[in-house]
Protein backbone atom coordinates (compact mmCIF):
# COMPACT_ATOMS: atom_id res chain seq x y z
CA MET A 1 -6.67 42.73 -8.26
CA ASP A 2 -8.01 42.85 -12.05
CA LEU A 3 -6.03 41.15 -13.87
CA GLU A 4 -6.90 39.51 -17.31
CA ALA A 5 -5.14 36.09 -17.40
CA ASN A 6 -3.82 36.97 -21.38
CA GLN A 7 -2.30 40.07 -20.27
CA VAL A 8 0.46 37.81 -17.90
CA LEU A 9 3.89 38.52 -19.24
CA ARG A 10 5.92 36.35 -16.53
CA ILE A 11 5.24 35.82 -12.77
CA ARG A 12 7.85 34.90 -10.56
CA LYS A 13 8.62 34.02 -6.41
CA THR A 14 9.50 37.66 -4.95
CA ASP A 15 13.72 37.85 -4.21
CA PRO A 16 14.40 39.78 -1.17
CA ARG A 17 17.74 41.50 -3.20
CA LEU A 18 14.79 43.20 -5.99
CA ASP A 19 11.94 42.89 -4.11
CA ASN A 20 11.66 44.85 -0.49
CA ASP A 21 9.25 42.17 1.20
CA LEU A 22 6.46 43.34 -1.00
CA GLY A 23 4.77 39.94 -1.13
CA ASN A 24 5.31 36.37 -1.79
CA THR A 25 4.36 36.41 -6.02
CA LEU A 26 5.50 38.99 -8.46
CA ILE A 27 3.30 39.18 -11.69
CA ASN A 28 3.99 41.27 -14.67
CA ALA A 29 1.68 42.05 -17.00
CA GLY A 30 0.04 45.88 -18.25
CA GLN A 31 2.00 46.78 -14.73
CA THR A 32 3.63 44.98 -11.84
CA PHE A 33 1.20 43.54 -8.96
CA PHE A 34 2.75 41.93 -6.17
CA VAL A 35 0.37 39.29 -4.13
CA GLN A 36 0.36 37.17 -1.04
CA GLU A 37 -0.15 34.01 -2.75
CA GLU A 38 2.75 31.59 -3.90
CA SER A 39 4.28 31.78 -6.93
CA ALA A 40 3.42 28.03 -8.53
CA ALA A 41 -0.38 29.08 -6.88
CA VAL A 42 -0.73 32.00 -8.86
CA ALA A 43 0.61 30.17 -12.12
CA ALA A 44 -1.18 27.49 -11.82
CA ALA A 45 -4.29 29.33 -11.24
CA ILE A 46 -3.05 31.63 -14.49
CA LYS A 47 -2.23 28.60 -16.71
CA ALA A 48 -5.89 27.05 -16.10
CA GLU A 49 -6.85 30.27 -18.19
CA LEU A 50 -3.67 30.91 -20.26
CA PRO A 51 -2.33 27.70 -21.32
CA SER A 52 1.02 29.12 -22.80
CA LEU A 53 2.61 29.77 -19.13
CA TYR A 54 5.43 28.15 -19.72
CA ARG A 55 7.97 27.09 -16.34
CA PHE A 56 10.97 28.44 -17.29
CA THR A 57 13.97 28.54 -14.72
CA HIS A 58 16.11 31.05 -13.14
CA ARG A 59 19.84 31.24 -13.25
CA LEU A 60 19.62 30.83 -9.45
CA GLY A 61 17.15 27.56 -9.62
CA ALA A 62 13.76 29.60 -8.98
CA PRO A 63 11.20 29.30 -11.45
CA VAL A 64 10.03 31.66 -13.74
CA TRP A 65 7.11 31.29 -15.43
CA VAL A 66 6.38 33.07 -19.11
CA ASN A 67 3.58 33.49 -21.57
CA VAL A 68 5.36 31.98 -24.27
CA HIS A 69 2.63 33.38 -26.88
CA ALA A 70 3.99 36.66 -26.33
CA ALA A 71 7.91 35.36 -26.26
CA LYS A 72 10.84 36.22 -28.97
CA GLY A 73 12.97 33.79 -28.99
CA PRO A 74 15.49 31.76 -28.18
CA MET A 75 17.83 35.04 -27.92
CA PRO A 76 21.88 35.25 -28.23
CA LEU A 77 23.82 35.36 -24.45
CA ALA A 78 26.21 38.28 -24.55
CA PRO A 79 29.40 36.81 -23.15
CA ASN A 80 29.30 38.77 -19.51
CA ARG A 81 25.53 36.95 -19.81
CA ASN A 82 27.74 33.61 -20.33
CA VAL A 83 28.03 32.90 -16.82
CA PRO A 84 27.18 29.50 -14.83
CA GLY A 85 23.40 28.50 -14.65
CA LEU A 86 22.25 30.68 -18.31
CA SER A 87 22.11 28.77 -21.13
CA SER A 88 19.50 30.79 -23.23
CA ALA A 89 16.93 33.92 -23.18
CA LEU A 90 13.79 35.01 -24.48
CA ASP A 91 12.47 38.28 -25.29
CA ILE A 92 9.07 39.36 -23.25
CA GLY A 93 7.25 42.71 -22.92
CA GLY A 94 10.23 44.42 -24.41
CA LYS A 95 13.03 42.82 -22.42
CA ARG A 96 15.49 39.75 -22.35
CA GLN A 97 14.39 36.94 -19.63
CA TYR A 98 17.54 34.63 -19.05
CA VAL A 99 17.10 31.31 -18.38
CA ARG A 100 18.36 27.47 -17.69
CA GLU A 101 17.18 25.96 -19.82
CA SER A 102 18.62 25.13 -23.86
CA PRO A 103 18.17 26.45 -26.69
CA GLU A 104 16.38 24.26 -28.39
CA GLU A 105 13.84 23.60 -24.69
CA VAL A 106 13.19 27.26 -25.18
CA ARG A 107 12.37 27.38 -29.10
CA SER A 108 10.15 24.09 -28.93
CA ALA A 109 8.42 25.80 -25.99
CA ILE A 110 7.67 29.19 -27.68
CA ALA A 111 6.88 27.11 -31.18
CA ALA A 112 4.25 25.07 -29.27
CA ALA A 113 2.49 28.36 -28.08
CA GLY A 114 2.49 30.07 -31.48
CA GLY A 115 4.89 32.68 -29.96
CA ASP A 116 7.70 34.04 -32.12
CA VAL A 117 10.32 31.57 -32.71
CA GLN A 118 13.67 32.80 -33.71
CA PRO A 119 16.71 30.22 -35.21
CA ILE A 120 19.16 28.73 -32.48
CA PRO A 121 22.08 31.48 -31.59
CA GLU A 122 24.83 31.03 -32.51
CA GLU A 123 28.17 31.33 -30.49
CA SER A 124 29.90 33.51 -32.97
CA LEU A 125 31.78 36.38 -32.23
CA TRP A 126 29.75 38.46 -34.39
CA VAL A 127 26.47 37.46 -32.39
CA GLN A 128 28.03 38.00 -29.31
CA GLY A 129 29.63 41.25 -30.60
CA ARG A 130 26.14 42.02 -31.52
CA GLU A 131 24.30 41.70 -28.38
CA THR A 132 27.22 43.63 -26.46
CA LEU A 133 27.08 46.61 -28.39
CA ARG A 134 22.79 46.56 -27.58
CA GLU A 135 23.83 46.38 -24.18
CA ILE A 136 26.60 49.15 -23.98
CA LEU A 137 24.13 51.60 -26.69
CA GLY A 138 21.11 50.72 -23.88
CA SER A 139 18.86 49.19 -26.50
CA LEU A 140 18.25 45.96 -24.41
CA GLU A 141 16.75 45.77 -20.96
CA PHE A 142 16.48 42.77 -19.09
CA TRP A 143 14.33 41.21 -16.36
CA ASP A 144 15.84 41.20 -12.85
CA GLU A 145 19.43 41.76 -14.11
CA GLU A 146 20.56 41.26 -10.56
CA LEU A 147 19.39 37.19 -10.78
CA SER A 148 21.31 37.29 -14.61
CA THR A 149 25.06 38.32 -13.55
CA LEU A 150 27.46 36.91 -11.11
CA GLU A 151 27.53 38.14 -8.14
């Protein structure tokens, strides 16, 4: 596989609901790669060359590693994403990644790596309405949407 570490956006363990038994680890870079190695080992190898790779947690508890240097956040949660297990979000590669970590932790990780730091999101009706409208109009895409909503 020809992959430059600085091209990596995120890494996660494959999930049978999303990945149809394509390997053990999914890597999103300029394209999507599936590899047989375990996600923690892949992330460790990439992090050796990409120090800005940060470990967050999906809503369901699985780790997801994100290149926070290429991220923007923290981003607000739309009301329909305000579900148990989600506390914050960040944008990476033109899509939103929802995570369990607090907005403060997301902001701190992005700031430490020199990413696009945003103010801590407010929980006002205006912000929630704006995020809902972005979803309805389709201007917002999500990583692993099935893992970010109620089942």
